[in-house]
Amino acid sequence: MSSTLPLHMYIRPLLIEDAHEVIELESRGFPPEERASRETTEFRLKVCPELCSGLFIRDVDGLEVKGEKLIGHILGTKVPSSSDSSHGSKITLESMGQAHDESSTTVGIHSVVIAPEHQKKNLATLLLTDYIQKLSNQEVGQRIAIITHEPLVPFYERIGFLLQGENVQVKADAAFAKSKWCDMVRELVKEEYEN
């Protein structure tokens, strides 16, 4: 597999019109028990598109743009506060469904996926770094929460997430009990620029 970056890449917020491509990419990146349903995906794209980001490649012929293809995405919502407020809100089984609390200060990432043919090119790092910077500068919340499989903890740590421990609430669900799920959090800090 080539490690060269695709030409004509760009990142933009996802829209409800992108739902079909998002669902298709999700099916290529996650086993059935870990995928969001069509209804949940559409809910996220309708209710909080500013928290859903897509990495696209434009199909360009000379000066003409013939189309675009989604090759990576992040889907997020604002997660309701949990009873354990020591680290802010966490991803729960409830927040993984059709849940969004606009007053929450925690953005929950539910999905980070890169198309298999574009993996191993640091595109997930690029997409996450862009996402974190945008949320920080727009002052959307105070932190980002994510749950991840244990082997992916070092990847998220390199991007500034801190391990909070195992998510036992999610593990209680039979669909997620096969592996260890870890809570991770990253604080959002607005970058200050001098004039």
C-alpha atoms as a PDB file:
ATOM      1  CA  MET A   1       0.000   0.000   0.000  1.00  0.00           C
ATOM      2  CA  SER A   2       1.364   3.401  -0.991  1.00  0.00           C
ATOM      3  CA  SER A   3       2.079   5.853   1.815  1.00  0.00           C
ATOM      4  CA  THR A   4       1.687   8.903  -0.435  1.00  0.00           C
ATOM      5  CA  LEU A   5      -1.089  11.265   0.508  1.00  0.00           C
ATOM      6  CA  PRO A   6      -4.048  11.487  -1.855  1.00  0.00           C
ATOM      7  CA  LEU A   7      -4.257  14.607  -4.026  1.00  0.00           C
ATOM      8  CA  HIS A   8      -7.057  17.170  -3.627  1.00  0.00           C
ATOM      9  CA  MET A   9      -7.836  16.295   0.021  1.00  0.00           C
ATOM     10  CA  TYR A  10      -9.903  18.603   2.187  1.00  0.00           C
ATOM     11  CA  ILE A  11     -11.869  18.536   5.443  1.00  0.00           C
ATOM     12  CA  ARG A  12     -15.359  19.935   5.905  1.00  0.00           C
ATOM     13  CA  PRO A  13     -18.341  19.519   8.241  1.00  0.00           C
ATOM     14  CA  LEU A  14     -20.544  16.582   7.330  1.00  0.00           C
ATOM     15  CA  LEU A  15     -24.134  17.216   6.264  1.00  0.00           C
ATOM     16  CA  ILE A  16     -27.256  15.050   6.213  1.00  0.00           C
ATOM     17  CA  GLU A  17     -26.694  14.762   2.446  1.00  0.00           C
ATOM     18  CA  ASP A  18     -23.489  12.826   3.257  1.00  0.00           C
ATOM     19  CA  ALA A  19     -25.375  10.179   5.273  1.00  0.00           C
ATOM     20  CA  HIS A  20     -25.119   7.411   2.662  1.00  0.00           C
ATOM     21  CA  GLU A  21     -21.319   7.779   2.331  1.00  0.00           C
ATOM     22  CA  VAL A  22     -20.885   8.063   6.117  1.00  0.00           C
ATOM     23  CA  ILE A  23     -22.881   4.865   6.714  1.00  0.00           C
ATOM     24  CA  GLU A  24     -20.938   3.042   3.978  1.00  0.00           C
ATOM     25  CA  LEU A  25     -17.577   4.124   5.430  1.00  0.00           C
ATOM     26  CA  GLU A  26     -18.704   3.174   8.950  1.00  0.00           C
ATOM     27  CA  SER A  27     -19.594  -0.328   7.674  1.00  0.00           C
ATOM     28  CA  ARG A  28     -16.076  -0.691   6.245  1.00  0.00           C
ATOM     29  CA  GLY A  29     -14.395   0.474   9.448  1.00  0.00           C
ATOM     30  CA  PHE A  30     -16.313  -1.216  12.244  1.00  0.00           C
ATOM     31  CA  PRO A  31     -17.811  -4.645  12.970  1.00  0.00           C
ATOM     32  CA  PRO A  32     -21.648  -4.683  12.934  1.00  0.00           C
ATOM     33  CA  GLU A  33     -22.025  -4.525  16.736  1.00  0.00           C
ATOM     34  CA  GLU A  34     -19.911  -1.333  16.929  1.00  0.00           C
ATOM     35  CA  ARG A  35     -21.588   0.623  14.117  1.00  0.00           C
ATOM     36  CA  ALA A  36     -24.128   3.335  14.661  1.00  0.00           C
ATOM     37  CA  SER A  37     -27.530   2.611  13.131  1.00  0.00           C
ATOM     38  CA  ARG A  38     -28.709   4.580  10.098  1.00  0.00           C
ATOM     39  CA  GLU A  39     -31.132   6.458  12.366  1.00  0.00           C
ATOM     40  CA  THR A  40     -28.414   7.375  14.881  1.00  0.00           C
ATOM     41  CA  THR A  41     -26.028   8.501  12.119  1.00  0.00           C
ATOM     42  CA  GLU A  42     -28.728  10.655  10.525  1.00  0.00           C
ATOM     43  CA  PHE A  43     -29.618  12.075  13.961  1.00  0.00           C
ATOM     44  CA  ARG A  44     -25.990  13.172  14.510  1.00  0.00           C
ATOM     45  CA  LEU A  45     -25.723  14.725  11.042  1.00  0.00           C
ATOM     46  CA  LYS A  46     -29.010  16.642  11.475  1.00  0.00           C
ATOM     47  CA  VAL A  47     -28.677  17.774  15.093  1.00  0.00           C
ATOM     48  CA  CYS A  48     -24.978  18.636  15.372  1.00  0.00           C
ATOM     49  CA  PRO A  49     -23.226  18.695  11.971  1.00  0.00           C
ATOM     50  CA  GLU A  50     -20.632  21.089  13.437  1.00  0.00           C
ATOM     51  CA  LEU A  51     -19.396  18.135  15.537  1.00  0.00           C
ATOM     52  CA  CYS A  52     -19.155  15.800  12.527  1.00  0.00           C
ATOM     53  CA  SER A  53     -16.160  16.180  10.238  1.00  0.00           C
ATOM     54  CA  GLY A  54     -15.347  14.507   6.927  1.00  0.00           C
ATOM     55  CA  LEU A  55     -12.096  14.013   5.038  1.00  0.00           C
ATOM     56  CA  PHE A  56     -12.766  14.073   1.297  1.00  0.00           C
ATOM     57  CA  ILE A  57     -10.856  13.679  -1.942  1.00  0.00           C
ATOM     58  CA  ARG A  58     -12.038  15.773  -4.889  1.00  0.00           C
ATOM     59  CA  ASP A  59     -12.175  14.159  -8.308  1.00  0.00           C
ATOM     60  CA  VAL A  60     -10.573  16.894 -10.423  1.00  0.00           C
ATOM     61  CA  ASP A  61     -10.147  16.977 -14.190  1.00  0.00           C
ATOM     62  CA  GLY A  62      -8.165  20.088 -15.081  1.00  0.00           C
ATOM     63  CA  LEU A  63     -10.121  22.940 -13.502  1.00  0.00           C
ATOM     64  CA  GLU A  64     -13.362  20.966 -13.292  1.00  0.00           C
ATOM     65  CA  VAL A  65     -14.395  19.274 -10.036  1.00  0.00           C
ATOM     66  CA  LYS A  66     -16.318  16.156 -11.041  1.00  0.00           C
ATOM     67  CA  GLY A  67     -17.175  14.971  -7.554  1.00  0.00           C
ATOM     68  CA  GLU A  68     -15.845  14.075  -4.141  1.00  0.00           C
ATOM     69  CA  LYS A  69     -15.347  10.893  -2.135  1.00  0.00           C
ATOM     70  CA  LEU A  70     -15.470  10.547   1.653  1.00  0.00           C
ATOM     71  CA  ILE A  71     -12.349   8.713   2.881  1.00  0.00           C
ATOM     72  CA  GLY A  72     -12.523   9.469   6.620  1.00  0.00           C
ATOM     73  CA  HIS A  73     -14.820  10.885   9.245  1.00  0.00           C
ATOM     74  CA  ILE A  74     -15.367  11.810  12.879  1.00  0.00           C
ATOM     75  CA  LEU A  75     -18.882  11.742  14.335  1.00  0.00           C
ATOM     76  CA  GLY A  76     -19.526  13.551  17.601  1.00  0.00           C
ATOM     77  CA  THR A  77     -22.273  14.844  19.858  1.00  0.00           C
ATOM     78  CA  LYS A  78     -22.340  16.706  23.143  1.00  0.00           C
ATOM     79  CA  VAL A  79     -22.744  14.000  25.772  1.00  0.00           C
ATOM     80  CA  PRO A  80     -24.973  14.464  28.809  1.00  0.00           C
ATOM     81  CA  SER A  81     -23.287  14.753  32.205  1.00  0.00           C
ATOM     82  CA  SER A  82     -22.679  11.469  33.965  1.00  0.00           C
ATOM     83  CA  SER A  83     -23.126  10.801  37.679  1.00  0.00           C
ATOM     84  CA  ASP A  84     -19.318  10.604  37.999  1.00  0.00           C
ATOM     85  CA  SER A  85     -18.396  14.226  37.328  1.00  0.00           C
ATOM     86  CA  SER A  86     -14.767  13.904  38.434  1.00  0.00           C
ATOM     87  CA  HIS A  87     -13.630  13.977  34.802  1.00  0.00           C
ATOM     88  CA  GLY A  88     -16.681  15.602  33.232  1.00  0.00           C
ATOM     89  CA  SER A  89     -19.024  13.631  31.042  1.00  0.00           C
ATOM     90  CA  LYS A  90     -18.106  10.222  29.669  1.00  0.00           C
ATOM     91  CA  ILE A  91     -19.374   8.085  26.833  1.00  0.00           C
ATOM     92  CA  THR A  92     -22.217   5.868  28.043  1.00  0.00           C
ATOM     93  CA  LEU A  93     -24.489   3.378  26.301  1.00  0.00           C
ATOM     94  CA  GLU A  94     -27.211   6.045  26.382  1.00  0.00           C
ATOM     95  CA  SER A  95     -24.983   8.733  24.839  1.00  0.00           C
ATOM     96  CA  MET A  96     -23.985   6.313  22.064  1.00  0.00           C
ATOM     97  CA  GLY A  97     -27.564   6.432  20.789  1.00  0.00           C
ATOM     98  CA  GLN A  98     -29.629   9.383  19.672  1.00  0.00           C
ATOM     99  CA  ALA A  99     -28.471  11.717  22.429  1.00  0.00           C
ATOM    100  CA  HIS A 100     -27.191  15.289  22.249  1.00  0.00           C
ATOM    101  CA  ASP A 101     -27.181  17.800  25.122  1.00  0.00           C
ATOM    102  CA  GLU A 102     -26.404  21.268  23.743  1.00  0.00           C
ATOM    103  CA  SER A 103     -25.665  22.566  27.260  1.00  0.00           C
ATOM    104  CA  SER A 104     -22.944  19.959  27.855  1.00  0.00           C
ATOM    105  CA  THR A 105     -19.318  21.059  27.888  1.00  0.00           C
ATOM    106  CA  THR A 106     -18.105  17.618  26.689  1.00  0.00           C
ATOM    107  CA  VAL A 107     -17.986  16.583  23.044  1.00  0.00           C
ATOM    108  CA  GLY A 108     -18.183  12.820  22.737  1.00  0.00           C
ATOM    109  CA  ILE A 109     -16.488  11.279  19.704  1.00  0.00           C
ATOM    110  CA  HIS A 110     -18.445   8.198  18.647  1.00  0.00           C
ATOM    111  CA  SER A 111     -16.604   7.311  15.473  1.00  0.00           C
ATOM    112  CA  VAL A 112     -13.182   7.897  13.934  1.00  0.00           C
ATOM    113  CA  VAL A 113     -12.671   5.962  10.714  1.00  0.00           C
ATOM    114  CA  ILE A 114     -10.399   6.089   7.672  1.00  0.00           C
ATOM    115  CA  ALA A 115     -11.148   4.007   4.560  1.00  0.00           C
ATOM    116  CA  PRO A 116      -8.962   0.859   4.628  1.00  0.00           C
ATOM    117  CA  GLU A 117      -7.184   1.760   1.373  1.00  0.00           C
ATOM    118  CA  HIS A 118      -6.098   5.116   2.876  1.00  0.00           C
ATOM    119  CA  GLN A 119      -4.901   3.872   6.275  1.00  0.00           C
ATOM    120  CA  LYS A 120      -1.256   4.035   7.432  1.00  0.00           C
ATOM    121  CA  LYS A 121      -0.837   7.565   5.996  1.00  0.00           C
ATOM    122  CA  ASN A 122      -1.408   9.540   9.237  1.00  0.00           C
ATOM    123  CA  LEU A 123      -4.816  10.672   7.964  1.00  0.00           C
ATOM    124  CA  ALA A 124      -6.553   9.865  11.267  1.00  0.00           C
ATOM    125  CA  THR A 125      -3.996  12.075  13.032  1.00  0.00           C
ATOM    126  CA  LEU A 126      -4.575  14.842  10.465  1.00  0.00           C
ATOM    127  CA  LEU A 127      -8.367  14.615  10.808  1.00  0.00           C
ATOM    128  CA  LEU A 128      -8.300  14.525  14.629  1.00  0.00           C
ATOM    129  CA  THR A 129      -5.797  17.384  14.880  1.00  0.00           C
ATOM    130  CA  ASP A 130      -7.987  19.539  12.621  1.00  0.00           C
ATOM    131  CA  TYR A 131     -11.095  18.564  14.632  1.00  0.00           C
ATOM    132  CA  ILE A 132      -9.470  19.413  17.982  1.00  0.00           C
ATOM    133  CA  GLN A 133      -8.162  22.747  16.702  1.00  0.00           C
ATOM    134  CA  LYS A 134     -11.557  23.763  15.291  1.00  0.00           C
ATOM    135  CA  LEU A 135     -13.441  22.821  18.462  1.00  0.00           C
ATOM    136  CA  SER A 136     -10.854  24.587  20.630  1.00  0.00           C
ATOM    137  CA  ASN A 137     -10.938  27.823  18.659  1.00  0.00           C
ATOM    138  CA  GLN A 138     -14.734  27.832  18.336  1.00  0.00           C
ATOM    139  CA  GLU A 139     -15.045  27.279  22.113  1.00  0.00           C
ATOM    140  CA  VAL A 140     -17.605  24.528  21.540  1.00  0.00           C
ATOM    141  CA  GLY A 141     -16.855  22.857  24.875  1.00  0.00           C
ATOM    142  CA  GLN A 142     -14.228  22.234  27.512  1.00  0.00           C
ATOM    143  CA  ARG A 143     -13.166  18.695  26.625  1.00  0.00           C
ATOM    144  CA  ILE A 144     -13.474  15.788  24.207  1.00  0.00           C
ATOM    145  CA  ALA A 145     -14.298  12.307  25.502  1.00  0.00           C
ATOM    146  CA  ILE A 146     -13.832   9.079  23.590  1.00  0.00           C
ATOM    147  CA  ILE A 147     -13.931   5.362  24.285  1.00  0.00           C
ATOM    148  CA  THR A 148     -11.486   3.177  22.440  1.00  0.00           C
ATOM    149  CA  HIS A 149     -10.184  -0.345  22.282  1.00  0.00           C
ATOM    150  CA  GLU A 150      -7.183  -0.756  24.591  1.00  0.00           C
ATOM    151  CA  PRO A 151      -4.635  -1.271  21.740  1.00  0.00           C
ATOM    152  CA  LEU A 152      -5.509   2.204  20.357  1.00  0.00           C
ATOM    153  CA  VAL A 153      -4.732   4.037  23.629  1.00  0.00           C
ATOM    154  CA  PRO A 154      -1.140   4.947  22.569  1.00  0.00           C
ATOM    155  CA  PHE A 155      -2.433   6.453  19.306  1.00  0.00           C
ATOM    156  CA  TYR A 156      -4.853   8.767  21.141  1.00  0.00           C
ATOM    157  CA  GLU A 157      -2.236   9.595  23.783  1.00  0.00           C
ATOM    158  CA  ARG A 158       0.050  10.911  21.021  1.00  0.00           C
ATOM    159  CA  ILE A 159      -2.737  13.361  20.094  1.00  0.00           C
ATOM    160  CA  GLY A 160      -3.076  14.579  23.679  1.00  0.00           C
ATOM    161  CA  PHE A 161      -5.810  12.347  25.123  1.00  0.00           C
ATOM    162  CA  LEU A 162      -5.360  11.118  28.696  1.00  0.00           C
ATOM    163  CA  LEU A 163      -6.378   7.628  29.773  1.00  0.00           C
ATOM    164  CA  GLN A 164      -9.103   7.709  32.422  1.00  0.00           C
ATOM    165  CA  GLY A 165      -9.473   3.941  32.927  1.00  0.00           C
ATOM    166  CA  GLU A 166     -11.772   1.207  31.714  1.00  0.00           C
ATOM    167  CA  ASN A 167     -15.347   2.055  30.722  1.00  0.00           C
ATOM    168  CA  VAL A 168     -17.203  -0.612  32.700  1.00  0.00           C
ATOM    169  CA  GLN A 169     -20.648   0.795  31.856  1.00  0.00           C
ATOM    170  CA  VAL A 170     -20.188   0.136  28.132  1.00  0.00           C
ATOM    171  CA  LYS A 171     -18.527  -3.233  28.812  1.00  0.00           C
ATOM    172  CA  ALA A 172     -21.709  -4.324  30.606  1.00  0.00           C
ATOM    173  CA  ASP A 173     -23.434  -4.492  27.200  1.00  0.00           C
ATOM    174  CA  ALA A 174     -22.941  -7.921  25.584  1.00  0.00           C
ATOM    175  CA  ALA A 175     -22.172  -6.329  22.186  1.00  0.00           C
ATOM    176  CA  PHE A 176     -19.137  -4.568  23.679  1.00  0.00           C
ATOM    177  CA  ALA A 177     -18.037  -7.152  26.268  1.00  0.00           C
ATOM    178  CA  LYS A 178     -15.578  -8.922  23.944  1.00  0.00           C
ATOM    179  CA  SER A 179     -12.822  -6.360  24.438  1.00  0.00           C
ATOM    180  CA  LYS A 180     -11.557  -3.800  26.936  1.00  0.00           C
ATOM    181  CA  TRP A 181     -12.908  -0.288  26.310  1.00  0.00           C
ATOM    182  CA  CYS A 182     -10.976   2.664  27.694  1.00  0.00           C
ATOM    183  CA  ASP A 183     -12.212   6.158  28.542  1.00  0.00           C
ATOM    184  CA  MET A 184      -9.963   8.926  27.267  1.00  0.00           C
ATOM    185  CA  VAL A 185     -10.318  12.689  27.613  1.00  0.00           C
ATOM    186  CA  ARG A 186      -8.619  15.685  26.021  1.00  0.00           C
ATOM    187  CA  GLU A 187      -9.100  19.210  27.294  1.00  0.00           C
ATOM    188  CA  LEU A 188      -9.895  21.881  24.710  1.00  0.00           C
ATOM    189  CA  VAL A 189      -7.746  24.987  25.004  1.00  0.00           C
ATOM    190  CA  LYS A 190      -8.237  27.970  22.733  1.00  0.00           C
ATOM    191  CA  GLU A 191      -5.015  29.037  21.030  1.00  0.00           C
ATOM    192  CA  GLU A 192      -4.145  32.678  21.538  1.00  0.00           C
ATOM    193  CA  TYR A 193      -2.548  34.537  18.663  1.00  0.00           C
ATOM    194  CA  GLU A 194      -0.833  37.907  18.842  1.00  0.00           C
ATOM    195  CA  ASN A 195      -1.975  40.596  16.399  1.00  0.00           C
END
